[in-house]
Amino acid sequence: MASPGKKSFLLRIDPAIWAEIERLAAQELRSSNAQVEYLLRQALVQRGRSLPADNADNAGEDPSASE
């Protein structure tokens, strides 16, 4: 079940990519879902897209902190 205020959607993804996301999530102590959201936020920041201040840290960490 989706968290309140979160949009849920179906994602079709290559099994090899998903396996790597799961490994990375385990290493960084996140759920796979949180890892996907974290990576998407990182990608948006790297492309110069601003995120609303109240949603910038929902994935547990500041995306720019790992750069």
PDB file of N, CA and C in Angstrom:
ATOM      1  N   MET A   1       0.846  -1.185   0.000  1.00  0.00           N
ATOM      2  CA  MET A   1       0.000   0.000   0.000  1.00  0.00           C
ATOM      3  C   MET A   1       0.890   1.248   0.000  1.00  0.00           C
ATOM      4  N   ALA A   2       0.542   2.212  -0.804  1.00  0.00           N
ATOM      5  CA  ALA A   2       1.313   3.456  -0.924  1.00  0.00           C
ATOM      6  C   ALA A   2       1.146   4.311   0.327  1.00  0.00           C
ATOM      7  N   SER A   3       2.194   5.032   0.647  1.00  0.00           N
ATOM      8  CA  SER A   3       2.141   5.969   1.767  1.00  0.00           C
ATOM      9  C   SER A   3       1.214   7.123   1.409  1.00  0.00           C
ATOM     10  N   PRO A   4       0.574   7.723   2.417  1.00  0.00           N
ATOM     11  CA  PRO A   4      -0.275   8.888   2.124  1.00  0.00           C
ATOM     12  C   PRO A   4       0.550   9.981   1.444  1.00  0.00           C
ATOM     13  N   GLY A   5      -0.028  10.600   0.434  1.00  0.00           N
ATOM     14  CA  GLY A   5       0.653  11.665  -0.276  1.00  0.00           C
ATOM     15  C   GLY A   5       1.625  11.181  -1.336  1.00  0.00           C
ATOM     16  N   LYS A   6       1.736   9.892  -1.529  1.00  0.00           N
ATOM     17  CA  LYS A   6       2.642   9.341  -2.545  1.00  0.00           C
ATOM     18  C   LYS A   6       1.820   8.803  -3.706  1.00  0.00           C
ATOM     19  N   LYS A   7       2.333   8.962  -4.898  1.00  0.00           N
ATOM     20  CA  LYS A   7       1.699   8.445  -6.113  1.00  0.00           C
ATOM     21  C   LYS A   7       2.254   7.051  -6.381  1.00  0.00           C
ATOM     22  N   SER A   8       1.409   6.089  -6.588  1.00  0.00           N
ATOM     23  CA  SER A   8       1.877   4.751  -6.942  1.00  0.00           C
ATOM     24  C   SER A   8       1.676   4.533  -8.443  1.00  0.00           C
ATOM     25  N   PHE A   9       2.565   3.727  -9.035  1.00  0.00           N
ATOM     26  CA  PHE A   9       2.450   3.424 -10.457  1.00  0.00           C
ATOM     27  C   PHE A   9       3.185   2.127 -10.755  1.00  0.00           C
ATOM     28  N   LEU A  10       2.812   1.499 -11.839  1.00  0.00           N
ATOM     29  CA  LEU A  10       3.431   0.260 -12.275  1.00  0.00           C
ATOM     30  C   LEU A  10       4.692   0.584 -13.068  1.00  0.00           C
ATOM     31  N   LEU A  11       5.768  -0.114 -12.786  1.00  0.00           N
ATOM     32  CA  LEU A  11       7.029   0.108 -13.490  1.00  0.00           C
ATOM     33  C   LEU A  11       7.511  -1.216 -14.064  1.00  0.00           C
ATOM     34  N   ARG A  12       7.742  -1.233 -15.354  1.00  0.00           N
ATOM     35  CA  ARG A  12       8.335  -2.402 -15.997  1.00  0.00           C
ATOM     36  C   ARG A  12       9.821  -2.120 -16.134  1.00  0.00           C
ATOM     37  N   ILE A  13      10.646  -3.021 -15.621  1.00  0.00           N
ATOM     38  CA  ILE A  13      12.078  -2.759 -15.575  1.00  0.00           C
ATOM     39  C   ILE A  13      12.847  -4.043 -15.871  1.00  0.00           C
ATOM     40  N   ASP A  14      13.978  -3.904 -16.515  1.00  0.00           N
ATOM     41  CA  ASP A  14      14.841  -5.034 -16.828  1.00  0.00           C
ATOM     42  C   ASP A  14      15.244  -5.731 -15.521  1.00  0.00           C
ATOM     43  N   PRO A  15      15.137  -7.043 -15.450  1.00  0.00           N
ATOM     44  CA  PRO A  15      15.472  -7.771 -14.226  1.00  0.00           C
ATOM     45  C   PRO A  15      16.903  -7.531 -13.730  1.00  0.00           C
ATOM     46  N   ALA A  16      17.843  -7.342 -14.631  1.00  0.00           N
ATOM     47  CA  ALA A  16      19.225  -7.088 -14.219  1.00  0.00           C
ATOM     48  C   ALA A  16      19.346  -5.718 -13.538  1.00  0.00           C
ATOM     49  N   ILE A  17      18.621  -4.723 -14.038  1.00  0.00           N
ATOM     50  CA  ILE A  17      18.635  -3.405 -13.408  1.00  0.00           C
ATOM     51  C   ILE A  17      17.986  -3.487 -12.038  1.00  0.00           C
ATOM     52  N   TRP A  18      16.868  -4.200 -11.946  1.00  0.00           N
ATOM     53  CA  TRP A  18      16.181  -4.330 -10.656  1.00  0.00           C
ATOM     54  C   TRP A  18      17.067  -5.040  -9.636  1.00  0.00           C
ATOM     55  N   ALA A  19      17.780  -6.055 -10.053  1.00  0.00           N
ATOM     56  CA  ALA A  19      18.676  -6.773  -9.139  1.00  0.00           C
ATOM     57  C   ALA A  19      19.750  -5.838  -8.600  1.00  0.00           C
ATOM     58  N   GLU A  20      20.281  -4.982  -9.461  1.00  0.00           N
ATOM     59  CA  GLU A  20      21.308  -4.026  -9.021  1.00  0.00           C
ATOM     60  C   GLU A  20      20.714  -2.996  -8.063  1.00  0.00           C
ATOM     61  N   ILE A  21      19.497  -2.542  -8.327  1.00  0.00           N
ATOM     62  CA  ILE A  21      18.827  -1.608  -7.419  1.00  0.00           C
ATOM     63  C   ILE A  21      18.627  -2.266  -6.057  1.00  0.00           C
ATOM     64  N   GLU A  22      18.225  -3.527  -6.048  1.00  0.00           N
ATOM     65  CA  GLU A  22      18.043  -4.230  -4.778  1.00  0.00           C
ATOM     66  C   GLU A  22      19.355  -4.366  -4.012  1.00  0.00           C
ATOM     67  N   ARG A  23      20.448  -4.679  -4.723  1.00  0.00           N
ATOM     68  CA  ARG A  23      21.764  -4.780  -4.066  1.00  0.00           C
ATOM     69  C   ARG A  23      22.188  -3.430  -3.489  1.00  0.00           C
ATOM     70  N   LEU A  24      22.024  -2.383  -4.276  1.00  0.00           N
ATOM     71  CA  LEU A  24      22.394  -1.046  -3.830  1.00  0.00           C
ATOM     72  C   LEU A  24      21.542  -0.620  -2.631  1.00  0.00           C
ATOM     73  N   ALA A  25      20.257  -0.900  -2.682  1.00  0.00           N
ATOM     74  CA  ALA A  25      19.354  -0.558  -1.583  1.00  0.00           C
ATOM     75  C   ALA A  25      19.781  -1.263  -0.296  1.00  0.00           C
ATOM     76  N   ALA A  26      20.130  -2.527  -0.391  1.00  0.00           N
ATOM     77  CA  ALA A  26      20.575  -3.275   0.788  1.00  0.00           C
ATOM     78  C   ALA A  26      21.855  -2.680   1.362  1.00  0.00           C
ATOM     79  N   GLN A  27      22.781  -2.303   0.495  1.00  0.00           N
ATOM     80  CA  GLN A  27      24.040  -1.704   0.948  1.00  0.00           C
ATOM     81  C   GLN A  27      23.801  -0.364   1.642  1.00  0.00           C
ATOM     82  N   GLU A  28      22.811   0.385   1.182  1.00  0.00           N
ATOM     83  CA  GLU A  28      22.546   1.720   1.713  1.00  0.00           C
ATOM     84  C   GLU A  28      21.400   1.724   2.722  1.00  0.00           C
ATOM     85  N   LEU A  29      20.980   0.519   3.137  1.00  0.00           N
ATOM     86  CA  LEU A  29      19.942   0.344   4.162  1.00  0.00           C
ATOM     87  C   LEU A  29      18.636   1.060   3.824  1.00  0.00           C
ATOM     88  N   ARG A  30      18.212   0.886   2.571  1.00  0.00           N
ATOM     89  CA  ARG A  30      16.932   1.421   2.109  1.00  0.00           C
ATOM     90  C   ARG A  30      16.099   0.278   1.555  1.00  0.00           C
ATOM     91  N   SER A  31      14.808   0.520   1.442  1.00  0.00           N
ATOM     92  CA  SER A  31      13.966  -0.413   0.701  1.00  0.00           C
ATOM     93  C   SER A  31      14.240  -0.192  -0.786  1.00  0.00           C
ATOM     94  N   SER A  32      13.859  -1.140  -1.599  1.00  0.00           N
ATOM     95  CA  SER A  32      14.036  -0.980  -3.043  1.00  0.00           C
ATOM     96  C   SER A  32      13.239   0.212  -3.549  1.00  0.00           C
ATOM     97  N   ASN A  33      12.043   0.400  -3.036  1.00  0.00           N
ATOM     98  CA  ASN A  33      11.214   1.530  -3.440  1.00  0.00           C
ATOM     99  C   ASN A  33      11.892   2.854  -3.072  1.00  0.00           C
ATOM    100  N   ALA A  34      12.410   2.955  -1.862  1.00  0.00           N
ATOM    101  CA  ALA A  34      13.102   4.180  -1.443  1.00  0.00           C
ATOM    102  C   ALA A  34      14.353   4.411  -2.289  1.00  0.00           C
ATOM    103  N   GLN A  35      15.015   3.332  -2.683  1.00  0.00           N
ATOM    104  CA  GLN A  35      16.212   3.465  -3.514  1.00  0.00           C
ATOM    105  C   GLN A  35      15.855   4.021  -4.892  1.00  0.00           C
ATOM    106  N   VAL A  36      14.781   3.535  -5.480  1.00  0.00           N
ATOM    107  CA  VAL A  36      14.343   4.045  -6.784  1.00  0.00           C
ATOM    108  C   VAL A  36      14.018   5.531  -6.664  1.00  0.00           C
ATOM    109  N   GLU A  37      13.286   5.913  -5.611  1.00  0.00           N
ATOM    110  CA  GLU A  37      12.947   7.321  -5.423  1.00  0.00           C
ATOM    111  C   GLU A  37      14.214   8.157  -5.211  1.00  0.00           C
ATOM    112  N   TYR A  38      15.154   7.653  -4.442  1.00  0.00           N
ATOM    113  CA  TYR A  38      16.417   8.352  -4.203  1.00  0.00           C
ATOM    114  C   TYR A  38      17.179   8.566  -5.519  1.00  0.00           C
ATOM    115  N   LEU A  39      17.267   7.524  -6.332  1.00  0.00           N
ATOM    116  CA  LEU A  39      17.974   7.634  -7.611  1.00  0.00           C
ATOM    117  C   LEU A  39      17.279   8.608  -8.561  1.00  0.00           C
ATOM    118  N   LEU A  40      15.954   8.602  -8.563  1.00  0.00           N
ATOM    119  CA  LEU A  40      15.220   9.549  -9.398  1.00  0.00           C
ATOM    120  C   LEU A  40      15.460  10.983  -8.932  1.00  0.00           C
ATOM    121  N   ARG A  41      15.455  11.199  -7.629  1.00  0.00           N
ATOM    122  CA  ARG A  41      15.731  12.537  -7.095  1.00  0.00           C
ATOM    123  C   ARG A  41      17.139  12.984  -7.463  1.00  0.00           C
ATOM    124  N   GLN A  42      18.112  12.085  -7.331  1.00  0.00           N
ATOM    125  CA  GLN A  42      19.495  12.388  -7.706  1.00  0.00           C
ATOM    126  C   GLN A  42      19.565  12.807  -9.166  1.00  0.00           C
ATOM    127  N   ALA A  43      18.905  12.051 -10.022  1.00  0.00           N
ATOM    128  CA  ALA A  43      18.922  12.355 -11.460  1.00  0.00           C
ATOM    129  C   ALA A  43      18.306  13.721 -11.742  1.00  0.00           C
ATOM    130  N   LEU A  44      17.219  14.060 -11.062  1.00  0.00           N
ATOM    131  CA  LEU A  44      16.595  15.361 -11.262  1.00  0.00           C
ATOM    132  C   LEU A  44      17.521  16.497 -10.823  1.00  0.00           C
ATOM    133  N   VAL A  45      18.156  16.324  -9.671  1.00  0.00           N
ATOM    134  CA  VAL A  45      19.082  17.350  -9.179  1.00  0.00           C
ATOM    135  C   VAL A  45      20.253  17.510 -10.140  1.00  0.00           C
ATOM    136  N   GLN A  46      20.796  16.406 -10.640  1.00  0.00           N
ATOM    137  CA  GLN A  46      21.924  16.463 -11.573  1.00  0.00           C
ATOM    138  C   GLN A  46      21.541  17.179 -12.865  1.00  0.00           C
ATOM    139  N   ARG A  47      20.274  17.141 -13.214  1.00  0.00           N
ATOM    140  CA  ARG A  47      19.807  17.807 -14.430  1.00  0.00           C
ATOM    141  C   ARG A  47      19.326  19.224 -14.162  1.00  0.00           C
ATOM    142  N   GLY A  48      19.556  19.705 -12.944  1.00  0.00           N
ATOM    143  CA  GLY A  48      19.209  21.075 -12.612  1.00  0.00           C
ATOM    144  C   GLY A  48      17.748  21.314 -12.319  1.00  0.00           C
ATOM    145  N   ARG A  49      17.010  20.273 -12.060  1.00  0.00           N
ATOM    146  CA  ARG A  49      15.584  20.424 -11.731  1.00  0.00           C
ATOM    147  C   ARG A  49      15.452  20.652 -10.239  1.00  0.00           C
ATOM    148  N   SER A  50      14.693  21.654  -9.858  1.00  0.00           N
ATOM    149  CA  SER A  50      14.498  21.910  -8.436  1.00  0.00           C
ATOM    150  C   SER A  50      13.310  21.102  -7.942  1.00  0.00           C
ATOM    151  N   LEU A  51      13.403  20.699  -6.694  1.00  0.00           N
ATOM    152  CA  LEU A  51      12.330  19.955  -6.052  1.00  0.00           C
ATOM    153  C   LEU A  51      11.718  20.833  -4.976  1.00  0.00           C
ATOM    154  N   PRO A  52      10.423  20.692  -4.713  1.00  0.00           N
ATOM    155  CA  PRO A  52       9.827  21.467  -3.620  1.00  0.00           C
ATOM    156  C   PRO A  52      10.585  21.211  -2.317  1.00  0.00           C
ATOM    157  N   ALA A  53      10.794  22.252  -1.528  1.00  0.00           N
ATOM    158  CA  ALA A  53      11.581  22.146  -0.297  1.00  0.00           C
ATOM    159  C   ALA A  53      11.017  21.109   0.660  1.00  0.00           C
ATOM    160  N   ASP A  54       9.703  20.989   0.764  1.00  0.00           N
ATOM    161  CA  ASP A  54       9.120  20.048   1.718  1.00  0.00           C
ATOM    162  C   ASP A  54       9.224  18.603   1.245  1.00  0.00           C
ATOM    163  N   ASN A  55       9.548  18.355  -0.030  1.00  0.00           N
ATOM    164  CA  ASN A  55       9.684  17.000  -0.548  1.00  0.00           C
ATOM    165  C   ASN A  55      11.122  16.636  -0.869  1.00  0.00           C
ATOM    166  N   ALA A  56      12.054  17.526  -0.696  1.00  0.00           N
ATOM    167  CA  ALA A  56      13.433  17.309  -1.136  1.00  0.00           C
ATOM    168  C   ALA A  56      14.126  16.198  -0.380  1.00  0.00           C
ATOM    169  N   ASP A  57      13.664  15.848   0.817  1.00  0.00           N
ATOM    170  CA  ASP A  57      14.379  14.853   1.621  1.00  0.00           C
ATOM    171  C   ASP A  57      13.509  13.653   1.978  1.00  0.00           C
ATOM    172  N   ASN A  58      12.456  13.381   1.226  1.00  0.00           N
ATOM    173  CA  ASN A  58      11.561  12.273   1.553  1.00  0.00           C
ATOM    174  C   ASN A  58      12.193  10.913   1.435  1.00  0.00           C
ATOM    175  N   ALA A  59      13.247  10.765   0.663  1.00  0.00           N
ATOM    176  CA  ALA A  59      13.863   9.454   0.473  1.00  0.00           C
ATOM    177  C   ALA A  59      14.883   9.144   1.551  1.00  0.00           C
ATOM    178  N   GLY A  60      15.058  10.014   2.522  1.00  0.00           N
ATOM    179  CA  GLY A  60      15.936   9.709   3.629  1.00  0.00           C
ATOM    180  C   GLY A  60      17.269  10.447   3.617  1.00  0.00           C
ATOM    181  N   GLU A  61      17.686  10.935   2.465  1.00  0.00           N
ATOM    182  CA  GLU A  61      18.954  11.633   2.371  1.00  0.00           C
ATOM    183  C   GLU A  61      18.861  12.733   1.325  1.00  0.00           C
ATOM    184  N   ASP A  62      19.739  13.717   1.445  1.00  0.00           N
ATOM    185  CA  ASP A  62      19.837  14.781   0.461  1.00  0.00           C
ATOM    186  C   ASP A  62      20.534  14.233  -0.778  1.00  0.00           C
ATOM    187  N   PRO A  63      19.890  14.244  -1.956  1.00  0.00           N
ATOM    188  CA  PRO A  63      20.500  13.685  -3.155  1.00  0.00           C
ATOM    189  C   PRO A  63      21.846  14.309  -3.497  1.00  0.00           C
ATOM    190  N   SER A  64      22.060  15.560  -3.156  1.00  0.00           N
ATOM    191  CA  SER A  64      23.329  16.204  -3.493  1.00  0.00           C
ATOM    192  C   SER A  64      24.437  15.839  -2.525  1.00  0.00           C
ATOM    193  N   ALA A  65      24.127  15.175  -1.408  1.00  0.00           N
ATOM    194  CA  ALA A  65      25.131  14.850  -0.400  1.00  0.00           C
ATOM    195  C   ALA A  65      26.115  13.796  -0.874  1.00  0.00           C
ATOM    196  N   SER A  66      25.736  12.955  -1.817  1.00  0.00           N
ATOM    197  CA  SER A  66      26.621  11.872  -2.259  1.00  0.00           C
ATOM    198  C   SER A  66      27.489  12.252  -3.432  1.00  0.00           C
ATOM    199  N   GLU A  67      27.386  13.488  -3.904  1.00  0.00           N
ATOM    200  CA  GLU A  67      28.161  13.916  -5.073  1.00  0.00           C
ATOM    201  C   GLU A  67      29.570  14.286  -4.678  1.00  0.00           C
TER     202      GLU A  67
END
